[in-house]
Amino acid sequence: MSRFIIKLLLGCLFIGITALSSNAQTKQALQEKKKMLQKEIDYTNQLLEKTEKSKYTSLNQLRQLNKKISSRQALISTMGQEIQLIADSIDLQNNLIDSLNNELELLKEEYAEMIRNAYRNKSSYDKLMFIFSADNFNQAFKRLKYFQQYAQYRQAQAQTILETQIEIDAQIKLLEAIKKSNEALLQAKLNERNTLAQEKSKQQIVVNTLNGKERQLKQELKEKQAASQKITKAIERIIAEEIRKAREAARKAGEKDKGFPLTPEARELSNSFASNKGKLPWPVTEGVITSAYGVHPHPTLKAVKTTNNGIDISTKAGNMGRTVFNGSVTSVFIIPGVGKGVIISHGEYFTTYSPFKEVFVSTNDKVETKQNLGVLITEKGESSSVMHLEIWKVMDKLDPETWIFKK
């Protein structure tokens, strides 16, 4: 076999294997994302099953259902990406098999020509005469070596043909496995679409039920907004007091008292908190985010927008709330009609947790990461609890979802 054919064959194999390997890595990332989304769906299902048994329809139930639907839509989208990836793998596999088949045909043609040449020169007498007719010993030796190398080359060519055929058979089997995987995934995606349609029907039923409670929902919204304002004012008041104390301490120490002066220890804590952005633990051991940070349309009230200064995480009834980072408790406050809240300082950063029915810490307590702060409230009629988490940098509100790690 010529060196060109060998290089071409190896090149085809290398390109095919490299492309398939890259697809395998991307596929693994998609499968990890699918697992995460499925975990969210399963947990939300657990929360909703208890809610449905209670026969009580609430905004929290709708938010949980909305979360499950959005997670399933993301799951279907991820499946679509994986299906496209598998389709690309099938194309690559087909191209690789075609290349191998083409090379096999070239190898067979070359081997057939060698056999024909061997047949034409099959006489041992002719070979001997050719060797002995040499002008000198060196030339005779070279002719002998030529016949030996030619025989070895024929054997090598036959072995290459056999190995190429084995490789083609292996690649065909791999292609069949990839196709079966694709068929299974297509069916799974179809099943998810059917489930999504059922969930959207349930969603509409819940929306219709809540639409019949417009007056009640407006009153609840008014109470929630009032509670949110109280939390915001409490945080602003506490932060302002912390700044005042820090400035006073700086003046006494003969240092600059502008901004938010921090002690070396507080500065180190603040820097440590900042360096853990995206890696902070969740404020509950389990849960799903059912209300994101920022301004959003109300789930049912038309032309009404709500502002969330943090995130709301739905979790099982009566679960504990815990710290996301070590720090110092600056305040344990009461939200009338809602429950208790806890504010923890981490240098120039502050985290707030609510609503608790029972709190385990007191003002000025030092707390560690993941330390339990208290038992979350389960509102009347609800079958799950909600942890409200806010993160502030001095007086600026931050999106907690960008600070806690993605499950």
Protein backbone atom coordinates (compact mmCIF):
# COMPACT_ATOMS: atom_id res chain seq x y z
CA MET A 1 0.00 0.00 0.00
CA SER A 2 1.35 3.44 -0.91
CA ARG A 3 2.35 5.91 1.80
CA PHE A 4 -0.24 8.35 0.47
CA ILE A 5 -3.08 5.88 1.03
CA ILE A 6 -1.82 5.06 4.53
CA LYS A 7 -1.68 8.77 5.43
CA LEU A 8 -5.12 9.38 3.96
CA LEU A 9 -6.63 6.48 5.88
CA LEU A 10 -5.06 7.59 9.15
CA GLY A 11 -6.19 11.17 8.50
CA CYS A 12 -9.80 10.11 8.00
CA LEU A 13 -9.73 8.06 11.17
CA PHE A 14 -8.13 10.91 13.17
CA ILE A 15 -10.62 13.53 11.98
CA GLY A 16 -13.58 11.23 12.60
CA ILE A 17 -12.44 10.16 16.06
CA THR A 18 -11.56 13.76 17.08
CA ALA A 19 -14.96 15.05 15.96
CA LEU A 20 -16.80 12.23 17.73
CA SER A 21 -14.75 12.81 20.89
CA SER A 22 -15.64 16.53 20.85
CA ASN A 23 -19.31 15.67 20.40
CA ALA A 24 -19.08 13.21 23.30
CA GLN A 25 -17.78 15.97 25.60
CA THR A 26 -20.58 18.34 24.56
CA LYS A 27 -23.11 15.54 24.96
CA GLN A 28 -21.90 14.91 28.50
CA ALA A 29 -22.42 18.60 29.37
CA LEU A 30 -25.97 18.45 27.95
CA GLN A 31 -26.71 15.28 29.90
CA GLU A 32 -25.52 16.96 33.11
CA LYS A 33 -27.85 19.88 32.38
CA LYS A 34 -30.71 17.42 31.76
CA LYS A 35 -30.08 15.78 35.14
CA MET A 36 -30.14 19.17 36.87
CA LEU A 37 -33.41 20.17 35.17
CA GLN A 38 -35.01 16.80 35.88
CA LYS A 39 -34.01 17.17 39.52
CA GLU A 40 -35.74 20.57 39.63
CA ILE A 41 -38.87 19.09 38.02
CA ASP A 42 -38.96 16.15 40.43
CA TYR A 43 -38.59 18.40 43.48
CA THR A 44 -41.26 20.82 42.25
CA ASN A 45 -43.52 17.82 41.66
CA GLN A 46 -43.10 16.82 45.29
CA LEU A 47 -44.17 20.30 46.41
CA LEU A 48 -47.13 20.39 44.01
CA GLU A 49 -48.39 16.93 44.98
CA LYS A 50 -48.85 18.10 48.56
CA THR A 51 -50.51 21.32 47.38
CA GLU A 52 -52.96 19.45 45.14
CA LYS A 53 -53.93 17.17 48.03
CA SER A 54 -54.77 20.21 50.15
CA LYS A 55 -57.21 21.45 47.46
CA TYR A 56 -55.94 25.00 48.17
CA THR A 57 -55.11 27.18 45.17
CA SER A 58 -52.61 29.98 45.71
CA LEU A 59 -50.10 32.17 43.91
CA ASN A 60 -47.33 30.04 45.39
CA GLN A 61 -48.85 26.97 43.72
CA LEU A 62 -48.98 28.84 40.41
CA ARG A 63 -45.36 29.95 40.80
CA GLN A 64 -44.31 26.36 41.48
CA LEU A 65 -46.25 25.17 38.44
CA ASN A 66 -44.71 27.96 36.34
CA LYS A 67 -41.26 26.86 37.55
CA LYS A 68 -41.95 23.25 36.60
CA ILE A 69 -43.14 24.29 33.16
CA SER A 70 -40.10 26.51 32.55
CA SER A 71 -37.79 23.71 33.73
CA ARG A 72 -39.52 21.22 31.41
CA GLN A 73 -39.30 23.64 28.48
CA ALA A 74 -35.58 24.00 29.19
CA LEU A 75 -35.32 20.21 29.38
CA ILE A 76 -37.03 19.83 25.99
CA SER A 77 -34.72 22.48 24.52
CA THR A 78 -31.69 20.63 25.92
CA MET A 79 -32.99 17.38 24.44
CA GLY A 80 -33.30 19.16 21.08
CA GLN A 81 -29.66 20.22 21.31
CA GLU A 82 -28.64 16.66 22.17
CA ILE A 83 -30.68 15.27 19.27
CA GLN A 84 -28.94 17.70 16.90
CA LEU A 85 -25.60 16.65 18.35
CA ILE A 86 -26.44 12.99 17.75
CA ALA A 87 -27.54 13.83 14.19
CA ASP A 88 -24.14 15.46 13.65
CA SER A 89 -22.47 12.35 15.08
CA ILE A 90 -24.46 10.16 12.67
CA ASP A 91 -23.31 12.31 9.73
CA LEU A 92 -19.70 12.11 10.92
CA GLN A 93 -20.00 8.38 11.39
CA ASN A 94 -21.45 7.91 7.91
CA ASN A 95 -18.66 10.01 6.41
CA LEU A 96 -16.07 7.99 8.29
CA ILE A 97 -17.56 4.71 7.09
CA ASP A 98 -17.69 6.02 3.49
CA SER A 99 -14.03 7.05 3.72
CA LEU A 100 -13.05 3.65 5.09
CA ASN A 101 -15.00 1.88 2.35
CA ASN A 102 -13.31 3.98 -0.32
CA GLU A 103 -9.90 3.18 1.14
CA LEU A 104 -10.83 -0.49 1.29
CA GLU A 105 -11.67 -0.47 -2.40
CA LEU A 106 -8.30 1.15 -3.21
CA LEU A 107 -6.51 -1.42 -1.09
CA LYS A 108 -8.32 -4.29 -2.80
CA GLU A 109 -7.58 -2.91 -6.27
CA GLU A 110 -3.91 -2.50 -5.41
CA TYR A 111 -3.77 -5.99 -3.90
CA ALA A 112 -5.50 -7.49 -6.97
CA GLU A 113 -2.89 -5.88 -9.23
CA MET A 114 -0.13 -7.37 -7.09
CA ILE A 115 -1.72 -10.82 -7.38
CA ARG A 116 -1.95 -10.47 -11.15
CA ASN A 117 1.71 -9.47 -11.33
CA ALA A 118 2.64 -12.39 -9.11
CA TYR A 119 0.70 -14.77 -11.34
CA ARG A 120 2.48 -13.50 -14.44
CA ASN A 121 5.82 -14.07 -12.72
CA LYS A 122 4.95 -17.24 -10.84
CA SER A 123 7.75 -19.38 -12.23
CA SER A 124 10.53 -19.95 -9.63
CA TYR A 125 12.89 -20.70 -12.58
CA ASP A 126 12.28 -17.22 -14.02
CA LYS A 127 13.01 -15.65 -10.64
CA LEU A 128 16.25 -17.60 -10.29
CA MET A 129 17.31 -16.74 -13.84
CA PHE A 130 16.58 -13.07 -13.11
CA ILE A 131 18.75 -13.20 -9.97
CA PHE A 132 21.64 -15.15 -11.56
CA SER A 133 21.69 -12.98 -14.66
CA ALA A 134 22.92 -10.11 -12.54
CA ASP A 135 26.19 -8.46 -13.60
CA ASN A 136 27.70 -8.85 -10.13
CA PHE A 137 27.03 -10.17 -6.66
CA ASN A 138 25.68 -6.87 -5.28
CA GLN A 139 23.12 -6.65 -8.05
CA ALA A 140 22.09 -10.28 -7.50
CA PHE A 141 21.68 -9.63 -3.76
CA LYS A 142 19.49 -6.57 -4.42
CA ARG A 143 17.26 -8.60 -6.76
CA LEU A 144 16.88 -11.30 -4.12
CA LYS A 145 15.94 -8.68 -1.50
CA TYR A 146 13.42 -7.20 -3.92
CA PHE A 147 11.53 -10.50 -4.21
CA GLN A 148 11.60 -10.96 -0.43
CA GLN A 149 10.32 -7.42 0.26
CA TYR A 150 7.65 -7.78 -2.42
CA ALA A 151 6.38 -10.96 -0.75
CA GLN A 152 6.33 -9.21 2.66
CA TYR A 153 4.50 -6.24 1.16
CA ARG A 154 1.79 -8.54 -0.23
CA GLN A 155 1.32 -10.06 3.20
CA ALA A 156 1.15 -6.62 4.81
CA GLN A 157 -1.37 -5.48 2.21
CA ALA A 158 -3.59 -8.48 2.94
CA GLN A 159 -3.37 -7.73 6.68
CA THR A 160 -4.27 -4.04 6.12
CA ILE A 161 -7.33 -5.07 4.11
CA LEU A 162 -8.44 -7.36 6.92
CA GLU A 163 -7.91 -4.67 9.60
CA THR A 164 -9.73 -2.05 7.54
CA GLN A 165 -12.71 -4.38 7.13
CA ILE A 166 -12.75 -5.02 10.90
CA GLU A 167 -12.66 -1.25 11.54
CA ILE A 168 -15.58 -0.71 9.12
CA ASP A 169 -17.63 -3.38 10.89
CA ALA A 170 -16.88 -1.76 14.28
CA GLN A 171 -17.87 1.70 13.01
CA ILE A 172 -21.12 0.32 11.55
CA LYS A 173 -21.99 -1.20 14.93
CA LEU A 174 -21.23 2.13 16.61
CA LEU A 175 -23.45 3.90 14.07
CA GLU A 176 -26.33 1.55 14.86
CA ALA A 177 -25.89 2.23 18.59
CA ILE A 178 -25.93 6.00 17.95
CA LYS A 179 -29.12 5.66 15.87
CA LYS A 180 -30.84 3.68 18.63
CA SER A 181 -29.82 6.33 21.16
CA ASN A 182 -31.29 9.00 18.89
CA GLU A 183 -34.58 7.10 18.52
CA ALA A 184 -34.85 6.74 22.31
CA LEU A 185 -34.16 10.43 22.83
CA LEU A 186 -36.72 11.45 20.19
CA GLN A 187 -39.34 9.35 22.00
CA ALA A 188 -38.33 10.85 25.35
CA LYS A 189 -38.67 14.36 23.90
CA LEU A 190 -42.13 13.51 22.57
CA ASN A 191 -43.14 12.23 26.02
CA GLU A 192 -41.90 15.47 27.61
CA ARG A 193 -43.90 17.52 25.11
CA ASN A 194 -47.05 15.56 26.00
CA THR A 195 -46.39 16.09 29.71
CA LEU A 196 -45.78 19.80 29.08
CA ALA A 197 -49.16 20.10 27.33
CA GLN A 198 -50.85 18.51 30.38
CA GLU A 199 -49.02 20.87 32.75
CA LYS A 200 -50.06 23.90 30.71
CA SER A 201 -53.67 22.73 30.98
CA LYS A 202 -53.29 22.52 34.78
CA GLN A 203 -51.64 25.95 34.73
CA GLN A 204 -54.65 27.43 32.96
CA ILE A 205 -57.02 25.86 35.48
CA VAL A 206 -55.04 27.40 38.36
CA VAL A 207 -54.95 30.78 36.59
CA ASN A 208 -58.73 30.66 36.04
CA THR A 209 -59.29 29.78 39.70
CA LEU A 210 -57.04 32.63 40.85
CA ASN A 211 -58.73 35.06 38.47
CA GLY A 212 -61.87 34.45 40.46
CA LYS A 213 -60.02 35.64 43.57
CA GLU A 214 -58.91 39.01 42.19
CA ARG A 215 -59.96 40.98 45.26
CA GLN A 216 -58.16 38.54 47.57
CA LEU A 217 -55.04 38.59 45.37
CA LYS A 218 -54.94 42.39 45.35
CA GLN A 219 -55.15 42.41 49.13
CA GLU A 220 -52.37 39.78 49.36
CA LEU A 221 -50.24 41.81 46.94
CA LYS A 222 -50.78 44.94 49.04
CA GLU A 223 -49.67 43.06 52.17
CA LYS A 224 -46.64 41.56 50.41
CA GLN A 225 -45.57 44.97 49.11
CA ALA A 226 -45.95 46.47 52.58
CA ALA A 227 -43.85 43.65 54.07
CA SER A 228 -41.22 44.12 51.36
CA GLN A 229 -41.02 47.84 52.07
CA LYS A 230 -40.60 47.13 55.79
CA ILE A 231 -37.76 44.72 55.06
CA THR A 232 -36.10 47.26 52.76
CA LYS A 233 -36.42 50.06 55.32
CA ALA A 234 -35.09 47.79 58.06
CA ILE A 235 -32.07 46.86 55.97
CA GLU A 236 -31.39 50.47 54.97
CA ARG A 237 -31.69 51.62 58.60
CA ILE A 238 -29.36 48.86 59.83
CA ILE A 239 -26.79 49.46 57.08
CA ALA A 240 -26.88 53.20 57.75
CA GLU A 241 -26.22 52.50 61.44
CA GLU A 242 -23.34 50.17 60.55
CA ILE A 243 -21.83 52.88 58.35
CA ARG A 244 -22.24 55.44 61.15
CA LYS A 245 -20.49 53.17 63.65
CA ALA A 246 -17.69 52.43 61.19
CA ARG A 247 -17.12 56.13 60.49
CA GLU A 248 -17.11 56.96 64.19
CA ALA A 249 -14.54 54.22 64.84
CA ALA A 250 -12.43 55.52 61.95
CA ARG A 251 -12.49 59.07 63.32
CA LYS A 252 -11.38 57.86 66.75
CA ALA A 253 -8.55 55.96 65.11
CA GLY A 254 -7.53 59.06 63.15
CA GLU A 255 -8.42 57.46 59.82
CA LYS A 256 -10.57 58.61 56.90
CA ASP A 257 -14.24 58.44 57.75
CA LYS A 258 -15.76 58.69 54.26
CA GLY A 259 -17.75 55.95 52.54
CA PHE A 260 -17.95 52.74 54.54
CA PRO A 261 -14.61 52.40 56.36
CA LEU A 262 -13.84 48.78 57.30
CA THR A 263 -11.45 47.26 59.79
CA PRO A 264 -8.79 44.96 58.28
CA GLU A 265 -10.80 41.94 59.50
CA ALA A 266 -14.04 43.26 57.98
CA ARG A 267 -12.24 44.11 54.72
CA GLU A 268 -10.85 40.57 54.54
CA LEU A 269 -14.33 39.13 55.19
CA SER A 270 -15.83 41.41 52.53
CA ASN A 271 -13.21 40.40 49.95
CA SER A 272 -13.72 36.74 50.79
CA PHE A 273 -17.48 37.09 50.31
CA ALA A 274 -16.96 38.82 46.95
CA SER A 275 -14.53 36.15 45.76
CA ASN A 276 -17.22 33.51 46.36
CA LYS A 277 -19.70 35.00 43.92
CA GLY A 278 -21.46 32.15 42.13
CA LYS A 279 -20.23 29.66 44.73
CA LEU A 280 -22.28 30.53 47.81
CA PRO A 281 -24.42 27.69 49.20
CA TRP A 282 -28.21 27.91 49.04
CA PRO A 283 -30.00 29.32 52.11
CA VAL A 284 -31.99 26.05 52.30
CA THR A 285 -30.80 22.47 51.92
CA GLU A 286 -33.28 21.85 49.09
CA GLY A 287 -35.62 23.90 46.97
CA VAL A 288 -36.34 25.59 43.65
CA ILE A 289 -36.35 29.29 42.79
CA THR A 290 -39.97 30.24 42.12
CA SER A 291 -39.62 34.02 42.04
CA ALA A 292 -36.58 35.72 40.54
CA TYR A 293 -34.93 39.06 41.33
CA GLY A 294 -36.20 42.22 39.66
CA VAL A 295 -39.46 43.56 38.18
CA HIS A 296 -41.93 41.02 36.78
CA PRO A 297 -45.54 40.99 35.58
CA HIS A 298 -47.95 39.70 38.22
CA PRO A 299 -48.86 36.05 37.43
CA THR A 300 -52.59 36.81 37.19
CA LEU A 301 -53.35 40.51 37.76
CA LYS A 302 -53.26 42.31 34.42
CA ALA A 303 -51.14 45.45 34.01
CA VAL A 304 -49.67 44.90 37.49
CA LYS A 305 -45.94 44.50 38.01
CA THR A 306 -44.19 43.31 41.14
CA THR A 307 -40.67 44.04 42.34
CA ASN A 308 -38.59 41.40 44.09
CA ASN A 309 -35.50 42.72 45.88
CA GLY A 310 -34.19 39.17 46.21
CA ILE A 311 -35.25 35.66 45.27
CA ASP A 312 -37.90 33.33 46.66
CA ILE A 313 -37.05 29.65 47.03
CA SER A 314 -39.87 27.16 47.52
CA THR A 315 -38.96 24.35 49.88
CA LYS A 316 -40.69 21.70 51.97
CA ALA A 317 -42.89 22.92 54.80
CA GLY A 318 -41.03 23.71 57.99
CA ASN A 319 -37.54 23.46 56.53
CA MET A 320 -34.66 25.38 58.10
CA GLY A 321 -33.17 28.56 56.70
CA ARG A 322 -29.36 28.80 56.87
CA THR A 323 -26.53 31.24 56.25
CA VAL A 324 -24.81 31.47 52.88
CA PHE A 325 -21.54 32.75 54.38
CA ASN A 326 -19.93 33.35 57.74
CA GLY A 327 -20.48 36.75 59.31
CA SER A 328 -22.11 38.60 62.18
CA VAL A 329 -25.83 38.93 62.96
CA THR A 330 -26.60 42.64 62.83
CA SER A 331 -30.34 42.35 63.40
CA VAL A 332 -33.20 39.98 64.13
CA PHE A 333 -36.35 41.90 63.22
CA ILE A 334 -40.09 41.26 63.14
CA ILE A 335 -42.21 41.75 60.04
CA PRO A 336 -45.79 42.28 61.31
CA GLY A 337 -48.16 39.70 59.88
CA VAL A 338 -45.32 37.85 58.16
CA GLY A 339 -42.75 36.58 60.63
CA LYS A 340 -39.16 37.19 61.64
CA GLY A 341 -36.14 38.17 59.55
CA VAL A 342 -32.40 37.98 60.06
CA ILE A 343 -29.73 40.31 58.67
CA ILE A 344 -26.10 39.20 58.59
CA SER A 345 -23.14 41.43 57.74
CA HIS A 346 -20.13 40.22 55.76
CA GLY A 347 -18.01 43.37 55.70
CA GLU A 348 -19.64 45.72 53.20
CA TYR A 349 -22.01 42.95 52.09
CA PHE A 350 -25.27 42.08 53.86
CA THR A 351 -27.59 39.09 53.49
CA THR A 352 -31.16 38.99 54.74
CA TYR A 353 -33.29 35.90 55.34
CA SER A 354 -37.05 35.61 55.97
CA PRO A 355 -39.74 34.69 56.96
CA PHE A 356 -39.08 32.59 60.06
CA LYS A 357 -41.56 31.47 62.67
CA GLU A 358 -38.67 30.66 65.01
CA VAL A 359 -35.12 32.07 65.04
CA PHE A 360 -32.07 30.43 66.65
CA VAL A 361 -29.68 33.43 66.62
CA SER A 362 -29.45 36.81 68.28
CA THR A 363 -27.97 40.20 67.38
CA ASN A 364 -24.12 40.27 67.43
CA ASP A 365 -23.87 36.46 67.19
CA LYS A 366 -21.05 35.19 64.99
CA VAL A 367 -22.35 32.66 62.47
CA GLU A 368 -20.69 30.15 60.18
CA THR A 369 -21.51 29.19 56.59
CA LYS A 370 -24.55 26.86 56.40
CA GLN A 371 -25.45 27.49 60.04
CA ASN A 372 -29.18 27.08 60.70
CA LEU A 373 -30.88 30.40 61.48
CA GLY A 374 -34.39 29.22 62.19
CA VAL A 375 -37.55 27.43 61.04
CA LEU A 376 -39.35 28.87 58.03
CA ILE A 377 -43.00 29.80 58.21
CA THR A 378 -45.61 27.77 56.35
CA GLU A 379 -48.44 30.14 55.52
CA LYS A 380 -52.04 29.19 56.19
CA GLY A 381 -53.40 26.85 53.53
CA GLU A 382 -49.95 26.27 52.02
CA SER A 383 -48.16 22.92 51.98
CA SER A 384 -44.66 24.35 51.43
CA SER A 385 -42.45 27.11 52.81
CA VAL A 386 -40.68 29.93 50.98
CA MET A 387 -37.23 31.32 51.79
CA HIS A 388 -36.76 34.95 50.79
CA LEU A 389 -33.08 35.84 50.34
CA GLU A 390 -31.64 39.29 49.63
CA ILE A 391 -28.00 40.32 49.12
CA TRP A 392 -26.87 43.93 49.44
CA LYS A 393 -23.55 45.66 48.90
CA VAL A 394 -23.82 48.64 51.22
CA MET A 395 -27.00 50.31 49.84
CA ASP A 396 -27.09 48.52 46.48
CA LYS A 397 -29.37 45.52 45.98
CA LEU A 398 -27.81 42.52 44.16
CA ASP A 399 -29.32 39.53 42.38
CA PRO A 400 -28.82 36.57 44.76
CA GLU A 401 -29.25 34.05 41.94
CA THR A 402 -25.91 35.16 40.49
CA TRP A 403 -24.22 34.63 43.85
CA ILE A 404 -25.43 31.16 44.87
CA PHE A 405 -24.07 28.16 43.02
CA LYS A 406 -26.11 26.60 40.23
CA LYS A 407 -27.37 23.19 41.22
